Amino acid sequence: MSRLDDYVSPTEPRAVLLLLHGGQQHSTEPVRNRHASWWRMAALARSLRGFATEHDTALSLLQYGQRGWNDLDDPSPVRDARAALSELAGRHLGVPVVLVGHSMGGRTACRVVDASNVSGVVALAPWLPDGEPTSAIAGKHLRVMHGSEDRWTSAALSRAYVERSRAIAASASWTSLPGAGHFMFRHSSAWRRFVTDSVTDIVGVSSSHASYEDGP
């Protein structure tokens, strides 16, 4: 069973951040707090508390029921994310949601961004295989960052996804983080700043600006 953990819960938030963690291509094992894919995003959630509190932004992290995508037409992480978005819509009527997903969480975010309460996606080293559908991104904002040394998911494919999305997205950008791998251990402050700057761009909460340059 999936679980939604709240890290910051203002009474009247200006925006909502929903974090989506990574997983595995094939696994029906339940997600546990000890799994690295979950606690990696839990660490990011903790690091975003100050930003969320300062800018009256609700901050939640979804824990999926199962670790795997399992190559299904209706993967369980997607079902779990849609259920979480429905719950957040009930709590925060009319408040825009930004999805922040790492690895498989980035793929999940790009599948559910078509929900009416979602304004956009911030995808960190996302798993976006060749042929991943882009239809859900129509009219929404897309921000992708990928480490240049990632050996687990493809920076080239995530950039190709962004390029294919440009014609239908409200806005779409791809950014390279030189020297960074997949797991966000190195350059953790750059990953975090990318999230806060992207949220600022998408929903307009103010943040100190950090500049990034698109890679080759």
N, C-alpha and C. Protein backbone atom coordinates (compact mmCIF):
# COMPACT_ATOMS: atom_id res chain seq x y z
N MET A 1 0.84 -1.20 0.00
CA MET A 1 0.00 0.00 0.00
C MET A 1 0.88 1.25 0.00
N SER A 2 0.53 2.22 -0.80
CA SER A 2 1.32 3.45 -0.88
C SER A 2 1.09 4.32 0.35
N ARG A 3 1.99 5.28 0.55
CA ARG A 3 1.93 6.16 1.73
C ARG A 3 2.36 7.56 1.33
N LEU A 4 1.65 8.56 1.81
CA LEU A 4 1.98 9.95 1.52
C LEU A 4 2.47 10.60 2.81
N ASP A 5 3.76 11.01 2.81
CA ASP A 5 4.36 11.65 3.98
C ASP A 5 4.41 13.16 3.76
N ASP A 6 3.90 13.91 4.72
CA ASP A 6 3.89 15.37 4.64
C ASP A 6 5.08 15.93 5.42
N TYR A 7 5.87 16.79 4.77
CA TYR A 7 7.03 17.41 5.39
C TYR A 7 6.77 18.86 5.78
N VAL A 8 5.97 19.55 4.99
CA VAL A 8 5.56 20.93 5.31
C VAL A 8 4.08 21.03 4.95
N SER A 9 3.28 21.56 5.89
CA SER A 9 1.82 21.60 5.68
C SER A 9 1.25 22.94 6.08
N PRO A 10 1.47 24.00 5.28
CA PRO A 10 0.86 25.29 5.60
C PRO A 10 -0.66 25.23 5.50
N THR A 11 -1.32 26.10 6.23
CA THR A 11 -2.78 26.10 6.24
C THR A 11 -3.34 26.48 4.87
N GLU A 12 -2.76 27.49 4.25
CA GLU A 12 -3.21 27.94 2.93
C GLU A 12 -2.00 28.04 1.99
N PRO A 13 -1.55 26.91 1.46
CA PRO A 13 -0.34 26.92 0.62
C PRO A 13 -0.56 27.64 -0.70
N ARG A 14 0.52 28.25 -1.18
CA ARG A 14 0.52 28.88 -2.51
C ARG A 14 0.77 27.86 -3.61
N ALA A 15 1.42 26.76 -3.26
CA ALA A 15 1.75 25.70 -4.20
C ALA A 15 1.98 24.42 -3.41
N VAL A 16 2.03 23.30 -4.13
CA VAL A 16 2.29 22.00 -3.53
C VAL A 16 3.42 21.33 -4.29
N LEU A 17 4.38 20.79 -3.58
CA LEU A 17 5.43 19.96 -4.19
C LEU A 17 5.18 18.51 -3.80
N LEU A 18 5.07 17.65 -4.79
CA LEU A 18 4.94 16.22 -4.54
C LEU A 18 6.17 15.52 -5.09
N LEU A 19 6.93 14.89 -4.20
CA LEU A 19 8.16 14.20 -4.59
C LEU A 19 7.87 12.73 -4.87
N LEU A 20 8.47 12.23 -5.95
CA LEU A 20 8.28 10.86 -6.41
C LEU A 20 9.65 10.19 -6.53
N HIS A 21 9.83 9.10 -5.79
CA HIS A 21 11.15 8.45 -5.75
C HIS A 21 11.33 7.46 -6.88
N GLY A 22 12.53 6.95 -7.02
CA GLY A 22 12.85 5.97 -8.04
C GLY A 22 12.47 4.57 -7.62
N GLY A 23 12.93 3.59 -8.41
CA GLY A 23 12.60 2.20 -8.11
C GLY A 23 13.37 1.27 -9.01
N GLN A 24 12.71 0.22 -9.47
CA GLN A 24 13.34 -0.79 -10.31
C GLN A 24 12.46 -1.08 -11.52
N GLN A 25 13.07 -1.57 -12.56
CA GLN A 25 12.28 -1.90 -13.75
C GLN A 25 11.33 -3.06 -13.46
N HIS A 26 11.82 -4.07 -12.72
CA HIS A 26 11.00 -5.23 -12.41
C HIS A 26 11.11 -5.55 -10.92
N SER A 27 10.03 -5.42 -10.19
CA SER A 27 9.98 -5.82 -8.78
C SER A 27 8.57 -5.62 -8.24
N THR A 28 8.06 -6.63 -7.56
CA THR A 28 6.78 -6.49 -6.85
C THR A 28 7.00 -6.38 -5.35
N GLU A 29 8.26 -6.24 -4.94
CA GLU A 29 8.57 -6.09 -3.51
C GLU A 29 8.00 -4.77 -2.99
N PRO A 30 7.43 -4.76 -1.80
CA PRO A 30 6.95 -3.51 -1.22
C PRO A 30 8.10 -2.53 -0.98
N VAL A 31 7.84 -1.24 -1.14
CA VAL A 31 8.84 -0.22 -0.84
C VAL A 31 8.97 -0.07 0.67
N ARG A 32 10.20 -0.01 1.14
CA ARG A 32 10.48 0.19 2.56
C ARG A 32 11.33 1.45 2.74
N ASN A 33 11.30 2.01 3.93
CA ASN A 33 12.10 3.20 4.21
C ASN A 33 13.59 2.94 4.04
N ARG A 34 14.02 1.71 4.18
CA ARG A 34 15.45 1.38 4.06
C ARG A 34 15.93 1.36 2.62
N HIS A 35 15.02 1.34 1.66
CA HIS A 35 15.44 1.29 0.26
C HIS A 35 16.03 2.62 -0.16
N ALA A 36 17.17 2.55 -0.85
CA ALA A 36 17.91 3.77 -1.19
C ALA A 36 17.09 4.71 -2.06
N SER A 37 16.31 4.16 -2.97
CA SER A 37 15.52 5.03 -3.86
C SER A 37 14.55 5.90 -3.08
N TRP A 38 14.01 5.35 -1.98
CA TRP A 38 13.09 6.14 -1.16
C TRP A 38 13.84 7.12 -0.28
N TRP A 39 14.85 6.65 0.46
CA TRP A 39 15.49 7.57 1.41
C TRP A 39 16.28 8.67 0.71
N ARG A 40 16.67 8.43 -0.54
CA ARG A 40 17.33 9.49 -1.32
C ARG A 40 16.38 10.69 -1.49
N MET A 41 15.11 10.40 -1.81
CA MET A 41 14.14 11.48 -1.96
C MET A 41 13.66 12.01 -0.62
N ALA A 42 13.70 11.17 0.42
CA ALA A 42 13.40 11.66 1.75
C ALA A 42 14.44 12.70 2.18
N ALA A 43 15.71 12.44 1.83
CA ALA A 43 16.76 13.41 2.14
C ALA A 43 16.54 14.71 1.37
N LEU A 44 16.13 14.61 0.10
CA LEU A 44 15.83 15.81 -0.68
C LEU A 44 14.65 16.56 -0.07
N ALA A 45 13.63 15.83 0.35
CA ALA A 45 12.47 16.47 0.98
C ALA A 45 12.88 17.25 2.22
N ARG A 46 13.73 16.65 3.05
CA ARG A 46 14.20 17.35 4.25
C ARG A 46 14.97 18.61 3.89
N SER A 47 15.77 18.53 2.82
CA SER A 47 16.56 19.69 2.42
C SER A 47 15.70 20.81 1.85
N LEU A 48 14.49 20.49 1.40
CA LEU A 48 13.59 21.49 0.82
C LEU A 48 12.63 22.09 1.85
N ARG A 49 12.71 21.65 3.08
CA ARG A 49 11.77 22.15 4.09
C ARG A 49 11.87 23.66 4.27
N GLY A 50 13.10 24.17 4.31
CA GLY A 50 13.27 25.61 4.51
C GLY A 50 12.65 26.40 3.38
N PHE A 51 12.90 25.99 2.13
CA PHE A 51 12.33 26.65 0.98
C PHE A 51 10.81 26.60 1.02
N ALA A 52 10.26 25.41 1.31
CA ALA A 52 8.81 25.26 1.33
C ALA A 52 8.18 26.10 2.43
N THR A 53 8.79 26.11 3.60
CA THR A 53 8.24 26.89 4.72
C THR A 53 8.27 28.37 4.40
N GLU A 54 9.39 28.85 3.87
CA GLU A 54 9.54 30.27 3.58
C GLU A 54 8.53 30.75 2.54
N HIS A 55 8.16 29.87 1.62
CA HIS A 55 7.31 30.28 0.50
C HIS A 55 5.91 29.68 0.55
N ASP A 56 5.48 29.30 1.78
CA ASP A 56 4.11 28.82 1.98
C ASP A 56 3.75 27.72 0.98
N THR A 57 4.62 26.76 0.85
CA THR A 57 4.45 25.67 -0.09
C THR A 57 4.34 24.34 0.65
N ALA A 58 3.29 23.60 0.38
CA ALA A 58 3.15 22.27 0.96
C ALA A 58 4.16 21.32 0.30
N LEU A 59 4.69 20.39 1.09
CA LEU A 59 5.73 19.49 0.61
C LEU A 59 5.42 18.08 1.09
N SER A 60 5.25 17.16 0.13
CA SER A 60 4.93 15.78 0.47
C SER A 60 5.79 14.83 -0.37
N LEU A 61 6.01 13.64 0.17
CA LEU A 61 6.75 12.58 -0.52
C LEU A 61 5.87 11.34 -0.57
N LEU A 62 5.68 10.81 -1.76
CA LEU A 62 4.90 9.58 -1.93
C LEU A 62 5.82 8.37 -1.85
N GLN A 63 5.42 7.38 -1.08
CA GLN A 63 6.08 6.08 -1.08
C GLN A 63 5.16 5.10 -1.81
N TYR A 64 5.63 4.55 -2.93
CA TYR A 64 4.81 3.62 -3.70
C TYR A 64 4.55 2.33 -2.92
N GLY A 65 3.55 1.61 -3.37
CA GLY A 65 3.29 0.30 -2.77
C GLY A 65 4.28 -0.75 -3.23
N GLN A 66 4.73 -0.67 -4.49
CA GLN A 66 5.68 -1.63 -5.04
C GLN A 66 6.89 -0.92 -5.62
N ARG A 67 8.04 -1.58 -5.62
CA ARG A 67 9.27 -0.97 -6.09
C ARG A 67 9.35 -0.88 -7.61
N GLY A 68 8.65 -1.76 -8.32
CA GLY A 68 8.87 -1.90 -9.75
C GLY A 68 7.86 -1.22 -10.65
N TRP A 69 8.34 -0.90 -11.86
CA TRP A 69 7.49 -0.42 -12.95
C TRP A 69 6.77 -1.60 -13.61
N ASN A 70 7.54 -2.65 -13.81
CA ASN A 70 7.03 -3.95 -14.27
C ASN A 70 6.43 -3.94 -15.68
N ASP A 71 6.78 -2.93 -16.45
CA ASP A 71 6.43 -2.89 -17.88
C ASP A 71 4.95 -3.16 -18.14
N LEU A 72 4.11 -2.59 -17.32
CA LEU A 72 2.67 -2.76 -17.46
C LEU A 72 2.05 -1.55 -18.15
N ASP A 73 0.87 -1.74 -18.72
CA ASP A 73 0.16 -0.61 -19.32
C ASP A 73 -0.26 0.40 -18.25
N ASP A 74 -0.51 -0.09 -17.05
CA ASP A 74 -0.93 0.77 -15.94
C ASP A 74 -0.05 0.48 -14.73
N PRO A 75 1.20 0.96 -14.71
CA PRO A 75 2.14 0.60 -13.64
C PRO A 75 1.65 1.07 -12.27
N SER A 76 1.98 0.29 -11.25
CA SER A 76 1.51 0.66 -9.91
C SER A 76 2.04 2.00 -9.43
N PRO A 77 3.29 2.43 -9.77
CA PRO A 77 3.70 3.78 -9.34
C PRO A 77 2.82 4.87 -9.94
N VAL A 78 2.34 4.66 -11.16
CA VAL A 78 1.46 5.64 -11.79
C VAL A 78 0.11 5.67 -11.08
N ARG A 79 -0.43 4.51 -10.75
CA ARG A 79 -1.69 4.46 -10.01
C ARG A 79 -1.54 5.14 -8.65
N ASP A 80 -0.44 4.86 -7.97
CA ASP A 80 -0.21 5.46 -6.65
C ASP A 80 -0.10 6.98 -6.76
N ALA A 81 0.61 7.47 -7.78
CA ALA A 81 0.78 8.91 -7.95
C ALA A 81 -0.56 9.58 -8.25
N ARG A 82 -1.37 8.95 -9.07
CA ARG A 82 -2.68 9.54 -9.36
C ARG A 82 -3.56 9.60 -8.11
N ALA A 83 -3.49 8.56 -7.29
CA ALA A 83 -4.25 8.57 -6.04
C ALA A 83 -3.76 9.68 -5.11
N ALA A 84 -2.44 9.87 -5.04
CA ALA A 84 -1.89 10.94 -4.20
C ALA A 84 -2.31 12.31 -4.71
N LEU A 85 -2.32 12.50 -6.01
CA LEU A 85 -2.75 13.78 -6.58
C LEU A 85 -4.22 14.05 -6.30
N SER A 86 -5.02 13.01 -6.34
CA SER A 86 -6.44 13.17 -6.00
C SER A 86 -6.60 13.58 -4.55
N GLU A 87 -5.82 12.97 -3.66
CA GLU A 87 -5.87 13.35 -2.25
C GLU A 87 -5.43 14.80 -2.05
N LEU A 88 -4.36 15.20 -2.72
CA LEU A 88 -3.87 16.57 -2.57
C LEU A 88 -4.86 17.58 -3.15
N ALA A 89 -5.55 17.21 -4.23
CA ALA A 89 -6.56 18.11 -4.80
C ALA A 89 -7.70 18.33 -3.82
N GLY A 90 -8.05 17.30 -3.09
CA GLY A 90 -9.09 17.44 -2.08
C GLY A 90 -8.66 18.30 -0.91
N ARG A 91 -7.40 18.21 -0.53
CA ARG A 91 -6.89 19.02 0.58
C ARG A 91 -6.72 20.49 0.19
N HIS A 92 -6.23 20.71 -1.04
CA HIS A 92 -5.80 22.05 -1.46
C HIS A 92 -6.51 22.41 -2.77
N LEU A 93 -7.75 22.75 -2.66
CA LEU A 93 -8.57 23.02 -3.84
C LEU A 93 -8.00 24.19 -4.64
N GLY A 94 -7.71 23.94 -5.92
CA GLY A 94 -7.24 24.99 -6.81
C GLY A 94 -5.78 25.38 -6.66
N VAL A 95 -5.03 24.69 -5.79
CA VAL A 95 -3.62 25.03 -5.58
C VAL A 95 -2.76 24.23 -6.56
N PRO A 96 -1.85 24.89 -7.29
CA PRO A 96 -1.05 24.18 -8.29
C PRO A 96 -0.02 23.24 -7.66
N VAL A 97 0.14 22.09 -8.29
CA VAL A 97 1.10 21.08 -7.85
C VAL A 97 2.26 21.01 -8.84
N VAL A 98 3.47 20.92 -8.31
CA VAL A 98 4.64 20.62 -9.12
C VAL A 98 5.16 19.25 -8.68
N LEU A 99 5.36 18.37 -9.64
CA LEU A 99 5.89 17.05 -9.38
C LEU A 99 7.41 17.07 -9.51
N VAL A 100 8.09 16.51 -8.51
CA VAL A 100 9.55 16.40 -8.54
C VAL A 100 9.90 14.93 -8.47
N GLY A 101 10.41 14.37 -9.57
CA GLY A 101 10.67 12.95 -9.62
C GLY A 101 12.10 12.61 -9.98
N HIS A 102 12.66 11.61 -9.30
CA HIS A 102 14.01 11.13 -9.59
C HIS A 102 13.94 9.76 -10.24
N SER A 103 14.67 9.55 -11.33
CA SER A 103 14.79 8.26 -11.98
C SER A 103 13.42 7.74 -12.40
N MET A 104 12.96 6.60 -11.87
CA MET A 104 11.63 6.11 -12.20
C MET A 104 10.56 7.10 -11.77
N GLY A 105 10.84 7.88 -10.73
CA GLY A 105 9.91 8.91 -10.30
C GLY A 105 9.72 9.99 -11.34
N GLY A 106 10.78 10.26 -12.13
CA GLY A 106 10.65 11.21 -13.22
C GLY A 106 9.74 10.67 -14.31
N ARG A 107 9.86 9.38 -14.60
CA ARG A 107 8.97 8.77 -15.59
C ARG A 107 7.53 8.78 -15.09
N THR A 108 7.36 8.44 -13.82
CA THR A 108 6.01 8.47 -13.23
C THR A 108 5.41 9.85 -13.33
N ALA A 109 6.20 10.87 -12.99
CA ALA A 109 5.71 12.26 -13.05
C ALA A 109 5.26 12.63 -14.45
N CYS A 110 6.03 12.20 -15.45
CA CYS A 110 5.69 12.54 -16.83
C CYS A 110 4.44 11.81 -17.32
N ARG A 111 4.06 10.73 -16.64
CA ARG A 111 2.82 10.03 -16.99
C ARG A 111 1.59 10.69 -16.35
N VAL A 112 1.76 11.30 -15.17
CA VAL A 112 0.59 11.81 -14.43
C VAL A 112 0.49 13.33 -14.46
N VAL A 113 1.38 13.99 -15.20
CA VAL A 113 1.39 15.46 -15.25
C VAL A 113 0.10 16.00 -15.87
N ASP A 114 -0.66 15.15 -16.55
CA ASP A 114 -1.91 15.61 -17.15
C ASP A 114 -3.03 15.80 -16.14
N ALA A 115 -2.81 15.48 -14.87
CA ALA A 115 -3.82 15.72 -13.84
C ALA A 115 -4.15 17.22 -13.78
N SER A 116 -5.39 17.54 -13.52
CA SER A 116 -5.85 18.93 -13.63
C SER A 116 -5.17 19.86 -12.64
N ASN A 117 -4.72 19.34 -11.49
CA ASN A 117 -4.11 20.21 -10.48
C ASN A 117 -2.61 20.33 -10.63
N VAL A 118 -2.02 19.71 -11.66
CA VAL A 118 -0.56 19.74 -11.85
C VAL A 118 -0.17 20.80 -12.87
N SER A 119 0.81 21.62 -12.50
CA SER A 119 1.32 22.65 -13.41
C SER A 119 2.56 22.20 -14.18
N GLY A 120 3.35 21.31 -13.58
CA GLY A 120 4.55 20.90 -14.28
C GLY A 120 5.35 19.85 -13.55
N VAL A 121 6.45 19.45 -14.20
CA VAL A 121 7.32 18.39 -13.72
C VAL A 121 8.75 18.91 -13.63
N VAL A 122 9.42 18.56 -12.54
CA VAL A 122 10.86 18.72 -12.42
C VAL A 122 11.43 17.31 -12.33
N ALA A 123 12.12 16.88 -13.38
CA ALA A 123 12.62 15.50 -13.46
C ALA A 123 14.13 15.49 -13.28
N LEU A 124 14.60 14.70 -12.32
CA LEU A 124 16.01 14.62 -11.96
C LEU A 124 16.55 13.26 -12.40
N ALA A 125 17.48 13.26 -13.36
CA ALA A 125 18.03 12.01 -13.89
C ALA A 125 16.93 11.02 -14.23
N PRO A 126 15.92 11.44 -14.99
CA PRO A 126 14.76 10.58 -15.19
C PRO A 126 15.04 9.39 -16.10
N TRP A 127 14.30 8.32 -15.85
CA TRP A 127 14.30 7.14 -16.72
C TRP A 127 13.19 7.35 -17.75
N LEU A 128 13.58 7.78 -18.94
CA LEU A 128 12.63 8.06 -20.01
C LEU A 128 13.10 7.30 -21.25
N PRO A 129 12.69 6.04 -21.37
CA PRO A 129 13.18 5.20 -22.47
C PRO A 129 12.72 5.68 -23.83
N ASP A 130 13.39 5.20 -24.84
CA ASP A 130 13.04 5.55 -26.21
C ASP A 130 11.58 5.22 -26.48
N GLY A 131 10.84 6.17 -27.03
CA GLY A 131 9.43 5.96 -27.32
C GLY A 131 8.49 6.29 -26.18
N GLU A 132 9.01 6.76 -25.05
CA GLU A 132 8.13 7.15 -23.94
C GLU A 132 7.14 8.21 -24.43
N PRO A 133 5.83 8.00 -24.21
CA PRO A 133 4.84 8.94 -24.73
C PRO A 133 4.95 10.32 -24.08
N THR A 134 4.71 11.34 -24.87
CA THR A 134 4.80 12.73 -24.39
C THR A 134 3.44 13.40 -24.27
N SER A 135 2.37 12.72 -24.59
CA SER A 135 1.06 13.37 -24.68
C SER A 135 0.62 14.02 -23.38
N ALA A 136 1.00 13.44 -22.24
CA ALA A 136 0.55 13.99 -20.96
C ALA A 136 1.14 15.36 -20.67
N ILE A 137 2.25 15.71 -21.31
CA ILE A 137 2.92 16.97 -21.01
C ILE A 137 2.27 18.15 -21.73
N ALA A 138 1.29 17.91 -22.56
CA ALA A 138 0.65 18.98 -23.33
C ALA A 138 0.14 20.08 -22.40
N GLY A 139 0.58 21.31 -22.66
CA GLY A 139 0.14 22.46 -21.88
C GLY A 139 0.78 22.60 -20.51
N LYS A 140 1.71 21.72 -20.16
CA LYS A 140 2.36 21.75 -18.85
C LYS A 140 3.83 22.13 -19.00
N HIS A 141 4.47 22.43 -17.88
CA HIS A 141 5.87 22.84 -17.88
C HIS A 141 6.77 21.63 -17.54
N LEU A 142 7.90 21.57 -18.21
CA LEU A 142 8.83 20.45 -18.04
C LEU A 142 10.24 20.98 -17.84
N ARG A 143 10.87 20.56 -16.74
CA ARG A 143 12.26 20.90 -16.45
C ARG A 143 13.01 19.60 -16.15
N VAL A 144 14.08 19.35 -16.88
CA VAL A 144 14.85 18.12 -16.70
C VAL A 144 16.31 18.45 -16.46
N MET A 145 16.90 17.81 -15.45
CA MET A 145 18.35 17.88 -15.23
C MET A 145 18.90 16.47 -15.23
N HIS A 146 20.04 16.30 -15.91
CA HIS A 146 20.67 14.99 -15.98
C HIS A 146 22.18 15.15 -15.80
N GLY A 147 22.77 14.31 -14.97
CA GLY A 147 24.21 14.34 -14.77
C GLY A 147 24.95 13.82 -15.99
N SER A 148 26.07 14.44 -16.30
CA SER A 148 26.84 14.04 -17.49
C SER A 148 27.50 12.68 -17.31
N GLU A 149 27.65 12.21 -16.05
CA GLU A 149 28.30 10.93 -15.79
C GLU A 149 27.31 9.85 -15.38
N ASP A 150 26.03 10.04 -15.66
CA ASP A 150 25.01 9.07 -15.30
C ASP A 150 25.21 7.78 -16.10
N ARG A 151 25.30 6.64 -15.39
CA ARG A 151 25.47 5.34 -16.04
C ARG A 151 24.24 4.45 -15.84
N TRP A 152 23.19 4.98 -15.21
CA TRP A 152 21.99 4.19 -14.93
C TRP A 152 20.82 4.56 -15.84
N THR A 153 20.64 5.85 -16.06
CA THR A 153 19.61 6.30 -17.00
C THR A 153 20.28 7.18 -18.04
N SER A 154 19.63 7.32 -19.18
CA SER A 154 20.27 7.95 -20.34
C SER A 154 19.98 9.44 -20.41
N ALA A 155 21.04 10.24 -20.34
CA ALA A 155 20.89 11.68 -20.53
C ALA A 155 20.45 11.99 -21.96
N ALA A 156 20.95 11.24 -22.91
CA ALA A 156 20.57 11.47 -24.31
C ALA A 156 19.08 11.22 -24.53
N LEU A 157 18.54 10.17 -23.90
CA LEU A 157 17.12 9.89 -24.07
C LEU A 157 16.24 10.89 -23.34
N SER A 158 16.70 11.36 -22.18
CA SER A 158 15.90 12.38 -21.49
C SER A 158 15.90 13.69 -22.28
N ARG A 159 17.04 14.00 -22.89
CA ARG A 159 17.06 15.21 -23.73
C ARG A 159 16.16 15.03 -24.95
N ALA A 160 16.16 13.84 -25.54
CA ALA A 160 15.30 13.58 -26.69
C ALA A 160 13.83 13.71 -26.30
N TYR A 161 13.49 13.26 -25.09
CA TYR A 161 12.11 13.40 -24.61
C TYR A 161 11.72 14.87 -24.52
N VAL A 162 12.62 15.69 -23.99
CA VAL A 162 12.35 17.13 -23.90
C VAL A 162 12.16 17.72 -25.29
N GLU A 163 13.02 17.36 -26.22
CA GLU A 163 12.91 17.90 -27.57
C GLU A 163 11.58 17.51 -28.21
N ARG A 164 11.14 16.27 -27.98
CA ARG A 164 9.87 15.83 -28.53
C ARG A 164 8.68 16.51 -27.86
N SER A 165 8.89 17.00 -26.64
CA SER A 165 7.81 17.63 -25.89
C SER A 165 7.63 19.11 -26.20
N ARG A 166 8.65 19.73 -26.80
CA ARG A 166 8.63 21.19 -26.95
C ARG A 166 7.41 21.69 -27.72
N ALA A 167 6.96 20.94 -28.70
CA ALA A 167 5.87 21.41 -29.55
C ALA A 167 4.54 21.47 -28.82
N ILE A 168 4.40 20.68 -27.74
CA ILE A 168 3.10 20.63 -27.05
C ILE A 168 3.15 21.17 -25.62
N ALA A 169 4.33 21.25 -25.03
CA ALA A 169 4.46 21.70 -23.64
C ALA A 169 4.30 23.22 -23.55
N ALA A 170 3.87 23.69 -22.38
CA ALA A 170 3.86 25.13 -22.13
C ALA A 170 5.29 25.67 -22.16
N SER A 171 6.21 24.90 -21.65
CA SER A 171 7.64 25.19 -21.75
C SER A 171 8.39 23.91 -21.44
N ALA A 172 9.61 23.78 -21.98
CA ALA A 172 10.39 22.56 -21.76
C ALA A 172 11.87 22.90 -21.85
N SER A 173 12.65 22.41 -20.89
CA SER A 173 14.09 22.65 -20.92
C SER A 173 14.83 21.44 -20.39
N TRP A 174 16.04 21.26 -20.91
CA TRP A 174 16.92 20.18 -20.48
C TRP A 174 18.25 20.79 -20.07
N THR A 175 18.75 20.37 -18.91
CA THR A 175 19.99 20.92 -18.37
C THR A 175 20.94 19.80 -17.99
N SER A 176 22.20 19.94 -18.37
CA SER A 176 23.23 18.98 -17.98
C SER A 176 23.92 19.47 -16.71
N LEU A 177 24.22 18.52 -15.81
CA LEU A 177 25.02 18.84 -14.63
C LEU A 177 26.37 18.14 -14.78
N PRO A 178 27.40 18.87 -15.20
CA PRO A 178 28.70 18.25 -15.49
C PRO A 178 29.29 17.54 -14.27
N GLY A 179 29.77 16.33 -14.50
CA GLY A 179 30.44 15.57 -13.46
C GLY A 179 29.53 14.81 -12.52
N ALA A 180 28.23 14.97 -12.64
CA ALA A 180 27.30 14.32 -11.72
C ALA A 180 26.86 12.97 -12.26
N GLY A 181 26.67 12.01 -11.35
CA GLY A 181 26.15 10.71 -11.70
C GLY A 181 24.65 10.63 -11.48
N HIS A 182 24.17 9.42 -11.26
CA HIS A 182 22.72 9.20 -11.17
C HIS A 182 22.13 9.47 -9.80
N PHE A 183 22.89 9.21 -8.75
CA PHE A 183 22.28 9.09 -7.43
C PHE A 183 22.26 10.38 -6.61
N MET A 184 22.69 11.47 -7.19
CA MET A 184 22.62 12.79 -6.56
C MET A 184 23.47 12.90 -5.30
N PHE A 185 24.49 12.01 -5.17
CA PHE A 185 25.40 12.13 -4.04
C PHE A 185 26.32 13.33 -4.23
N ARG A 186 26.84 13.48 -5.45
CA ARG A 186 27.70 14.62 -5.75
C ARG A 186 26.83 15.80 -6.21
N HIS A 187 27.30 16.99 -5.89
CA HIS A 187 26.61 18.22 -6.31
C HIS A 187 25.18 18.29 -5.75
N SER A 188 24.99 17.82 -4.52
CA SER A 188 23.63 17.78 -3.96
C SER A 188 23.00 19.16 -3.91
N SER A 189 23.81 20.20 -3.64
CA SER A 189 23.24 21.55 -3.57
C SER A 189 22.79 22.01 -4.95
N ALA A 190 23.46 21.57 -6.02
CA ALA A 190 23.06 21.95 -7.38
C ALA A 190 21.74 21.29 -7.75
N TRP A 191 21.56 20.02 -7.38
CA TRP A 191 20.27 19.35 -7.62
C TRP A 191 19.15 20.11 -6.89
N ARG A 192 19.41 20.46 -5.64
CA ARG A 192 18.38 21.15 -4.84
C ARG A 192 18.07 22.52 -5.42
N ARG A 193 19.09 23.27 -5.82
CA ARG A 193 18.84 24.59 -6.40
C ARG A 193 18.08 24.48 -7.71
N PHE A 194 18.36 23.43 -8.48
CA PHE A 194 17.62 23.23 -9.72
C PHE A 194 16.13 23.05 -9.42
N VAL A 195 15.83 22.30 -8.37
CA VAL A 195 14.43 22.11 -7.99
C VAL A 195 13.80 23.43 -7.58
N THR A 196 14.44 24.19 -6.70
CA THR A 196 13.82 25.42 -6.23
C THR A 196 13.70 26.45 -7.35
N ASP A 197 14.70 26.55 -8.20
CA ASP A 197 14.60 27.48 -9.32
C ASP A 197 13.52 27.07 -10.31
N SER A 198 13.39 25.77 -10.53
CA SER A 198 12.37 25.27 -11.46
C SER A 198 10.97 25.51 -10.91
N VAL A 199 10.79 25.27 -9.62
CA VAL A 199 9.50 25.54 -8.99
C VAL A 199 9.16 27.01 -9.11
N THR A 200 10.16 27.86 -8.89
CA THR A 200 9.95 29.30 -9.05
C THR A 200 9.47 29.64 -10.45
N ASP A 201 10.12 29.06 -11.46
CA ASP A 201 9.73 29.30 -12.84
C ASP A 201 8.31 28.83 -13.12
N ILE A 202 7.94 27.69 -12.56
CA ILE A 202 6.67 27.06 -12.91
C ILE A 202 5.49 27.70 -12.19
N VAL A 203 5.62 27.94 -10.90
CA VAL A 203 4.47 28.44 -10.15
C VAL A 203 4.68 29.81 -9.52
N GLY A 204 5.88 30.39 -9.69
CA GLY A 204 6.04 31.79 -9.33
C GLY A 204 6.37 32.10 -7.89
N VAL A 205 6.65 31.07 -7.05
CA VAL A 205 7.14 31.40 -5.72
C VAL A 205 8.55 31.91 -5.86
N SER A 206 8.94 32.85 -5.00
CA SER A 206 10.25 33.48 -5.17
C SER A 206 11.34 32.61 -4.57
N SER A 207 12.52 32.67 -5.19
CA SER A 207 13.68 31.91 -4.73
C SER A 207 14.93 32.63 -5.19
N SER A 208 16.03 32.46 -4.47
CA SER A 208 17.29 32.99 -4.96
C SER A 208 17.64 32.25 -6.24
N HIS A 209 18.07 32.99 -7.25
CA HIS A 209 18.30 32.38 -8.57
C HIS A 209 19.70 31.84 -8.70
N ALA A 210 19.81 30.64 -9.25
CA ALA A 210 21.10 30.06 -9.60
C ALA A 210 21.08 29.75 -11.07
N SER A 211 22.16 30.04 -11.77
CA SER A 211 22.16 29.86 -13.22
C SER A 211 22.72 28.49 -13.59
N TYR A 212 22.21 27.94 -14.67
CA TYR A 212 22.67 26.68 -15.21
C TYR A 212 22.79 26.83 -16.71
N GLU A 213 23.68 26.08 -17.29
CA GLU A 213 23.84 26.11 -18.74
C GLU A 213 23.52 24.74 -19.30
N ASP A 214 22.78 24.74 -20.41
CA ASP A 214 22.49 23.48 -21.10
C ASP A 214 23.79 22.86 -21.57
N GLY A 215 23.88 21.54 -21.44
CA GLY A 215 25.08 20.83 -21.89
C GLY A 215 25.03 20.60 -23.39
N PRO A 216 26.08 20.00 -23.90
CA PRO A 216 26.14 19.75 -25.34
C PRO A 216 25.12 18.71 -25.78
